[in-house]
Amino acid sequence: MINGSPLILNFEPLDIDQANKVVAFFSGVVYAITGEIVHIQEKVFLFANKDVYKDGTIEEFLKEIVE
């Protein structure tokens, strides 16, 4: 994420405790790099540096997969 690569995680196979630990860790990473977390679908999240959103590519990608 620091280098600009977004991370999409599906928490469906995890139990709630495991998912909470992973979310807590990546929330800290996102905070440290001044990034954003986007809820894509139930139990699926995108973690990324804010710079990834500048050109609009991620927004277009999200529109395609959510529809």
PDB file of N, CA and C in Angstrom:
ATOM      1  N   MET A   1       0.815  -1.192   0.000  1.00  0.00           N
ATOM      2  CA  MET A   1       0.000   0.000   0.000  1.00  0.00           C
ATOM      3  C   MET A   1       0.861   1.259   0.000  1.00  0.00           C
ATOM      4  N   ILE A   2       1.990   1.199   0.634  1.00  0.00           N
ATOM      5  CA  ILE A   2       2.870   2.363   0.675  1.00  0.00           C
ATOM      6  C   ILE A   2       3.307   2.753  -0.732  1.00  0.00           C
ATOM      7  N   ASN A   3       3.530   1.769  -1.578  1.00  0.00           N
ATOM      8  CA  ASN A   3       3.970   2.028  -2.954  1.00  0.00           C
ATOM      9  C   ASN A   3       2.817   2.314  -3.905  1.00  0.00           C
ATOM     10  N   GLY A   4       1.590   2.381  -3.394  1.00  0.00           N
ATOM     11  CA  GLY A   4       0.453   2.723  -4.230  1.00  0.00           C
ATOM     12  C   GLY A   4      -0.401   1.560  -4.678  1.00  0.00           C
ATOM     13  N   SER A   5      -0.078   0.355  -4.263  1.00  0.00           N
ATOM     14  CA  SER A   5      -0.899  -0.800  -4.643  1.00  0.00           C
ATOM     15  C   SER A   5      -2.038  -0.976  -3.647  1.00  0.00           C
ATOM     16  N   PRO A   6      -3.278  -0.934  -4.113  1.00  0.00           N
ATOM     17  CA  PRO A   6      -4.400  -1.145  -3.202  1.00  0.00           C
ATOM     18  C   PRO A   6      -4.484  -2.614  -2.791  1.00  0.00           C
ATOM     19  N   LEU A   7      -5.146  -2.861  -1.682  1.00  0.00           N
ATOM     20  CA  LEU A   7      -5.311  -4.209  -1.167  1.00  0.00           C
ATOM     21  C   LEU A   7      -6.798  -4.467  -0.971  1.00  0.00           C
ATOM     22  N   ILE A   8      -7.307  -5.533  -1.574  1.00  0.00           N
ATOM     23  CA  ILE A   8      -8.699  -5.922  -1.387  1.00  0.00           C
ATOM     24  C   ILE A   8      -8.706  -7.206  -0.583  1.00  0.00           C
ATOM     25  N   LEU A   9      -9.426  -7.193   0.542  1.00  0.00           N
ATOM     26  CA  LEU A   9      -9.499  -8.366   1.401  1.00  0.00           C
ATOM     27  C   LEU A   9     -10.934  -8.837   1.554  1.00  0.00           C
ATOM     28  N   ASN A  10     -11.115 -10.152   1.441  1.00  0.00           N
ATOM     29  CA  ASN A  10     -12.405 -10.793   1.661  1.00  0.00           C
ATOM     30  C   ASN A  10     -12.324 -11.506   3.007  1.00  0.00           C
ATOM     31  N   PHE A  11     -13.129 -11.066   3.957  1.00  0.00           N
ATOM     32  CA  PHE A  11     -13.099 -11.619   5.303  1.00  0.00           C
ATOM     33  C   PHE A  11     -14.103 -12.749   5.506  1.00  0.00           C
ATOM     34  N   GLU A  12     -14.777 -13.156   4.456  1.00  0.00           N
ATOM     35  CA  GLU A  12     -15.805 -14.184   4.567  1.00  0.00           C
ATOM     36  C   GLU A  12     -15.309 -15.489   5.189  1.00  0.00           C
ATOM     37  N   PRO A  13     -14.120 -15.992   4.791  1.00  0.00           N
ATOM     38  CA  PRO A  13     -13.693 -17.271   5.371  1.00  0.00           C
ATOM     39  C   PRO A  13     -13.224 -17.179   6.831  1.00  0.00           C
ATOM     40  N   LEU A  14     -13.091 -15.969   7.367  1.00  0.00           N
ATOM     41  CA  LEU A  14     -12.578 -15.789   8.724  1.00  0.00           C
ATOM     42  C   LEU A  14     -13.704 -15.703   9.739  1.00  0.00           C
ATOM     43  N   ASP A  15     -13.419 -16.147  10.961  1.00  0.00           N
ATOM     44  CA  ASP A  15     -14.398 -15.919  12.019  1.00  0.00           C
ATOM     45  C   ASP A  15     -14.264 -14.464  12.475  1.00  0.00           C
ATOM     46  N   ILE A  16     -15.192 -14.014  13.274  1.00  0.00           N
ATOM     47  CA  ILE A  16     -15.268 -12.591  13.639  1.00  0.00           C
ATOM     48  C   ILE A  16     -14.013 -12.116  14.375  1.00  0.00           C
ATOM     49  N   ASP A  17     -13.456 -12.943  15.250  1.00  0.00           N
ATOM     50  CA  ASP A  17     -12.249 -12.541  15.982  1.00  0.00           C
ATOM     51  C   ASP A  17     -11.050 -12.372  15.054  1.00  0.00           C
ATOM     52  N   GLN A  18     -10.875 -13.301  14.136  1.00  0.00           N
ATOM     53  CA  GLN A  18      -9.776 -13.195  13.169  1.00  0.00           C
ATOM     54  C   GLN A  18      -9.951 -11.960  12.292  1.00  0.00           C
ATOM     55  N   ALA A  19     -11.164 -11.759  11.800  1.00  0.00           N
ATOM     56  CA  ALA A  19     -11.440 -10.609  10.934  1.00  0.00           C
ATOM     57  C   ALA A  19     -11.181  -9.299  11.669  1.00  0.00           C
ATOM     58  N   ASN A  20     -11.593  -9.211  12.924  1.00  0.00           N
ATOM     59  CA  ASN A  20     -11.368  -7.993  13.702  1.00  0.00           C
ATOM     60  C   ASN A  20      -9.883  -7.693  13.868  1.00  0.00           C
ATOM     61  N   LYS A  21      -9.073  -8.724  14.078  1.00  0.00           N
ATOM     62  CA  LYS A  21      -7.630  -8.521  14.229  1.00  0.00           C
ATOM     63  C   LYS A  21      -7.001  -8.027  12.926  1.00  0.00           C
ATOM     64  N   VAL A  22      -7.418  -8.609  11.819  1.00  0.00           N
ATOM     65  CA  VAL A  22      -6.876  -8.189  10.519  1.00  0.00           C
ATOM     66  C   VAL A  22      -7.303  -6.758  10.199  1.00  0.00           C
ATOM     67  N   VAL A  23      -8.578  -6.449  10.436  1.00  0.00           N
ATOM     68  CA  VAL A  23      -9.075  -5.089  10.184  1.00  0.00           C
ATOM     69  C   VAL A  23      -8.348  -4.089  11.075  1.00  0.00           C
ATOM     70  N   ALA A  24      -8.142  -4.428  12.333  1.00  0.00           N
ATOM     71  CA  ALA A  24      -7.436  -3.522  13.242  1.00  0.00           C
ATOM     72  C   ALA A  24      -6.015  -3.256  12.748  1.00  0.00           C
ATOM     73  N   PHE A  25      -5.327  -4.300  12.307  1.00  0.00           N
ATOM     74  CA  PHE A  25      -3.964  -4.133  11.806  1.00  0.00           C
ATOM     75  C   PHE A  25      -3.937  -3.227  10.580  1.00  0.00           C
ATOM     76  N   PHE A  26      -4.766  -3.546   9.578  1.00  0.00           N
ATOM     77  CA  PHE A  26      -4.735  -2.761   8.348  1.00  0.00           C
ATOM     78  C   PHE A  26      -5.319  -1.366   8.542  1.00  0.00           C
ATOM     79  N   SER A  27      -6.191  -1.186   9.518  1.00  0.00           N
ATOM     80  CA  SER A  27      -6.669   0.160   9.838  1.00  0.00           C
ATOM     81  C   SER A  27      -5.510   1.016  10.326  1.00  0.00           C
ATOM     82  N   GLY A  28      -4.629   0.426  11.126  1.00  0.00           N
ATOM     83  CA  GLY A  28      -3.439   1.138  11.582  1.00  0.00           C
ATOM     84  C   GLY A  28      -2.507   1.480  10.441  1.00  0.00           C
ATOM     85  N   VAL A  29      -2.331   0.545   9.518  1.00  0.00           N
ATOM     86  CA  VAL A  29      -1.489   0.795   8.347  1.00  0.00           C
ATOM     87  C   VAL A  29      -2.072   1.931   7.517  1.00  0.00           C
ATOM     88  N   VAL A  30      -3.374   1.866   7.269  1.00  0.00           N
ATOM     89  CA  VAL A  30      -4.044   2.894   6.464  1.00  0.00           C
ATOM     90  C   VAL A  30      -3.930   4.260   7.142  1.00  0.00           C
ATOM     91  N   TYR A  31      -4.092   4.301   8.453  1.00  0.00           N
ATOM     92  CA  TYR A  31      -3.941   5.554   9.183  1.00  0.00           C
ATOM     93  C   TYR A  31      -2.516   6.095   9.031  1.00  0.00           C
ATOM     94  N   ALA A  32      -1.530   5.212   9.156  1.00  0.00           N
ATOM     95  CA  ALA A  32      -0.126   5.631   9.087  1.00  0.00           C
ATOM     96  C   ALA A  32       0.255   6.180   7.716  1.00  0.00           C
ATOM     97  N   ILE A  33      -0.365   5.665   6.663  1.00  0.00           N
ATOM     98  CA  ILE A  33      -0.028   6.135   5.310  1.00  0.00           C
ATOM     99  C   ILE A  33      -1.038   7.150   4.786  1.00  0.00           C
ATOM    100  N   THR A  34      -1.913   7.631   5.667  1.00  0.00           N
ATOM    101  CA  THR A  34      -2.963   8.576   5.296  1.00  0.00           C
ATOM    102  C   THR A  34      -3.777   8.024   4.129  1.00  0.00           C
ATOM    103  N   GLY A  35      -4.285   6.823   4.329  1.00  0.00           N
ATOM    104  CA  GLY A  35      -5.064   6.165   3.287  1.00  0.00           C
ATOM    105  C   GLY A  35      -6.546   6.156   3.588  1.00  0.00           C
ATOM    106  N   GLU A  36      -7.244   5.285   2.894  1.00  0.00           N
ATOM    107  CA  GLU A  36      -8.689   5.159   3.062  1.00  0.00           C
ATOM    108  C   GLU A  36      -9.084   3.693   3.029  1.00  0.00           C
ATOM    109  N   ILE A  37     -10.200   3.407   3.699  1.00  0.00           N
ATOM    110  CA  ILE A  37     -10.794   2.075   3.667  1.00  0.00           C
ATOM    111  C   ILE A  37     -12.159   2.215   3.015  1.00  0.00           C
ATOM    112  N   VAL A  38     -12.438   1.362   2.037  1.00  0.00           N
ATOM    113  CA  VAL A  38     -13.722   1.394   1.337  1.00  0.00           C
ATOM    114  C   VAL A  38     -14.398   0.042   1.507  1.00  0.00           C
ATOM    115  N   HIS A  39     -15.653   0.081   1.954  1.00  0.00           N
ATOM    116  CA  HIS A  39     -16.453  -1.141   2.077  1.00  0.00           C
ATOM    117  C   HIS A  39     -17.024  -1.455   0.701  1.00  0.00           C
ATOM    118  N   ILE A  40     -16.597  -2.577   0.104  1.00  0.00           N
ATOM    119  CA  ILE A  40     -17.012  -2.926  -1.253  1.00  0.00           C
ATOM    120  C   ILE A  40     -18.284  -3.758  -1.241  1.00  0.00           C
ATOM    121  N   GLN A  41     -18.262  -4.828  -0.494  1.00  0.00           N
ATOM    122  CA  GLN A  41     -19.409  -5.720  -0.335  1.00  0.00           C
ATOM    123  C   GLN A  41     -19.377  -6.232   1.089  1.00  0.00           C
ATOM    124  N   GLU A  42     -20.388  -7.019   1.453  1.00  0.00           N
ATOM    125  CA  GLU A  42     -20.382  -7.591   2.789  1.00  0.00           C
ATOM    126  C   GLU A  42     -19.094  -8.393   2.978  1.00  0.00           C
ATOM    127  N   LYS A  43     -18.344  -8.042   3.994  1.00  0.00           N
ATOM    128  CA  LYS A  43     -17.088  -8.701   4.360  1.00  0.00           C
ATOM    129  C   LYS A  43     -15.961  -8.538   3.339  1.00  0.00           C
ATOM    130  N   VAL A  44     -16.061  -7.562   2.450  1.00  0.00           N
ATOM    131  CA  VAL A  44     -14.997  -7.280   1.474  1.00  0.00           C
ATOM    132  C   VAL A  44     -14.647  -5.792   1.559  1.00  0.00           C
ATOM    133  N   PHE A  45     -13.365  -5.512   1.785  1.00  0.00           N
ATOM    134  CA  PHE A  45     -12.916  -4.140   1.967  1.00  0.00           C
ATOM    135  C   PHE A  45     -11.698  -3.847   1.103  1.00  0.00           C
ATOM    136  N   LEU A  46     -11.579  -2.588   0.712  1.00  0.00           N
ATOM    137  CA  LEU A  46     -10.419  -2.106  -0.032  1.00  0.00           C
ATOM    138  C   LEU A  46      -9.630  -1.190   0.894  1.00  0.00           C
ATOM    139  N   PHE A  47      -8.348  -1.442   1.007  1.00  0.00           N
ATOM    140  CA  PHE A  47      -7.437  -0.623   1.796  1.00  0.00           C
ATOM    141  C   PHE A  47      -6.445  -0.003   0.820  1.00  0.00           C
ATOM    142  N   ALA A  48      -6.289   1.319   0.870  1.00  0.00           N
ATOM    143  CA  ALA A  48      -5.391   1.950  -0.104  1.00  0.00           C
ATOM    144  C   ALA A  48      -4.892   3.300   0.388  1.00  0.00           C
ATOM    145  N   ASN A  49      -3.773   3.704  -0.180  1.00  0.00           N
ATOM    146  CA  ASN A  49      -3.210   5.024   0.013  1.00  0.00           C
ATOM    147  C   ASN A  49      -4.128   6.029  -0.691  1.00  0.00           C
ATOM    148  N   LYS A  50      -4.301   7.215  -0.140  1.00  0.00           N
ATOM    149  CA  LYS A  50      -5.177   8.224  -0.760  1.00  0.00           C
ATOM    150  C   LYS A  50      -4.788   8.555  -2.194  1.00  0.00           C
ATOM    151  N   ASP A  51      -3.499   8.482  -2.510  1.00  0.00           N
ATOM    152  CA  ASP A  51      -3.034   8.819  -3.856  1.00  0.00           C
ATOM    153  C   ASP A  51      -3.632   7.909  -4.923  1.00  0.00           C
ATOM    154  N   VAL A  52      -4.022   6.698  -4.540  1.00  0.00           N
ATOM    155  CA  VAL A  52      -4.598   5.740  -5.488  1.00  0.00           C
ATOM    156  C   VAL A  52      -5.918   6.265  -6.055  1.00  0.00           C
ATOM    157  N   TYR A  53      -6.608   7.116  -5.308  1.00  0.00           N
ATOM    158  CA  TYR A  53      -7.920   7.607  -5.719  1.00  0.00           C
ATOM    159  C   TYR A  53      -7.855   8.843  -6.610  1.00  0.00           C
ATOM    160  N   LYS A  54      -6.685   9.440  -6.765  1.00  0.00           N
ATOM    161  CA  LYS A  54      -6.567  10.724  -7.468  1.00  0.00           C
ATOM    162  C   LYS A  54      -7.016  10.697  -8.922  1.00  0.00           C
ATOM    163  N   ASP A  55      -6.660   9.654  -9.679  1.00  0.00           N
ATOM    164  CA  ASP A  55      -6.970   9.658 -11.115  1.00  0.00           C
ATOM    165  C   ASP A  55      -8.342   9.070 -11.455  1.00  0.00           C
ATOM    166  N   GLY A  56      -9.065   8.550 -10.471  1.00  0.00           N
ATOM    167  CA  GLY A  56     -10.411   8.036 -10.719  1.00  0.00           C
ATOM    168  C   GLY A  56     -10.472   6.574 -11.127  1.00  0.00           C
ATOM    169  N   THR A  57      -9.331   5.924 -11.293  1.00  0.00           N
ATOM    170  CA  THR A  57      -9.306   4.531 -11.730  1.00  0.00           C
ATOM    171  C   THR A  57      -9.958   3.612 -10.707  1.00  0.00           C
ATOM    172  N   ILE A  58      -9.667   3.819  -9.445  1.00  0.00           N
ATOM    173  CA  ILE A  58     -10.237   2.962  -8.398  1.00  0.00           C
ATOM    174  C   ILE A  58     -11.747   3.127  -8.337  1.00  0.00           C
ATOM    175  N   GLU A  59     -12.251   4.357  -8.462  1.00  0.00           N
ATOM    176  CA  GLU A  59     -13.694   4.578  -8.437  1.00  0.00           C
ATOM    177  C   GLU A  59     -14.382   3.826  -9.570  1.00  0.00           C
ATOM    178  N   GLU A  60     -13.786   3.856 -10.753  1.00  0.00           N
ATOM    179  CA  GLU A  60     -14.348   3.124 -11.897  1.00  0.00           C
ATOM    180  C   GLU A  60     -14.334   1.622 -11.637  1.00  0.00           C
ATOM    181  N   PHE A  61     -13.240   1.125 -11.092  1.00  0.00           N
ATOM    182  CA  PHE A  61     -13.128  -0.291 -10.757  1.00  0.00           C
ATOM    183  C   PHE A  61     -14.202  -0.688  -9.749  1.00  0.00           C
ATOM    184  N   LEU A  62     -14.387   0.132  -8.727  1.00  0.00           N
ATOM    185  CA  LEU A  62     -15.387  -0.173  -7.704  1.00  0.00           C
ATOM    186  C   LEU A  62     -16.797  -0.175  -8.276  1.00  0.00           C
ATOM    187  N   LYS A  63     -17.089   0.761  -9.156  1.00  0.00           N
ATOM    188  CA  LYS A  63     -18.411   0.795  -9.786  1.00  0.00           C
ATOM    189  C   LYS A  63     -18.672  -0.485 -10.566  1.00  0.00           C
ATOM    190  N   GLU A  64     -17.658  -0.973 -11.264  1.00  0.00           N
ATOM    191  CA  GLU A  64     -17.804  -2.189 -12.071  1.00  0.00           C
ATOM    192  C   GLU A  64     -18.048  -3.426 -11.219  1.00  0.00           C
ATOM    193  N   ILE A  65     -17.329  -3.563 -10.111  1.00  0.00           N
ATOM    194  CA  ILE A  65     -17.472  -4.790  -9.332  1.00  0.00           C
ATOM    195  C   ILE A  65     -18.673  -4.770  -8.403  1.00  0.00           C
ATOM    196  N   VAL A  66     -19.142  -3.590  -8.027  1.00  0.00           N
ATOM    197  CA  VAL A  66     -20.292  -3.505  -7.129  1.00  0.00           C
ATOM    198  C   VAL A  66     -21.597  -3.692  -7.890  1.00  0.00           C
ATOM    199  N   GLU A  67     -21.634  -3.280  -9.143  1.00  0.00           N
ATOM    200  CA  GLU A  67     -22.871  -3.382  -9.930  1.00  0.00           C
ATOM    201  C   GLU A  67     -23.204  -4.796 -10.290  1.00  0.00           C
TER     202      GLU A  67
END
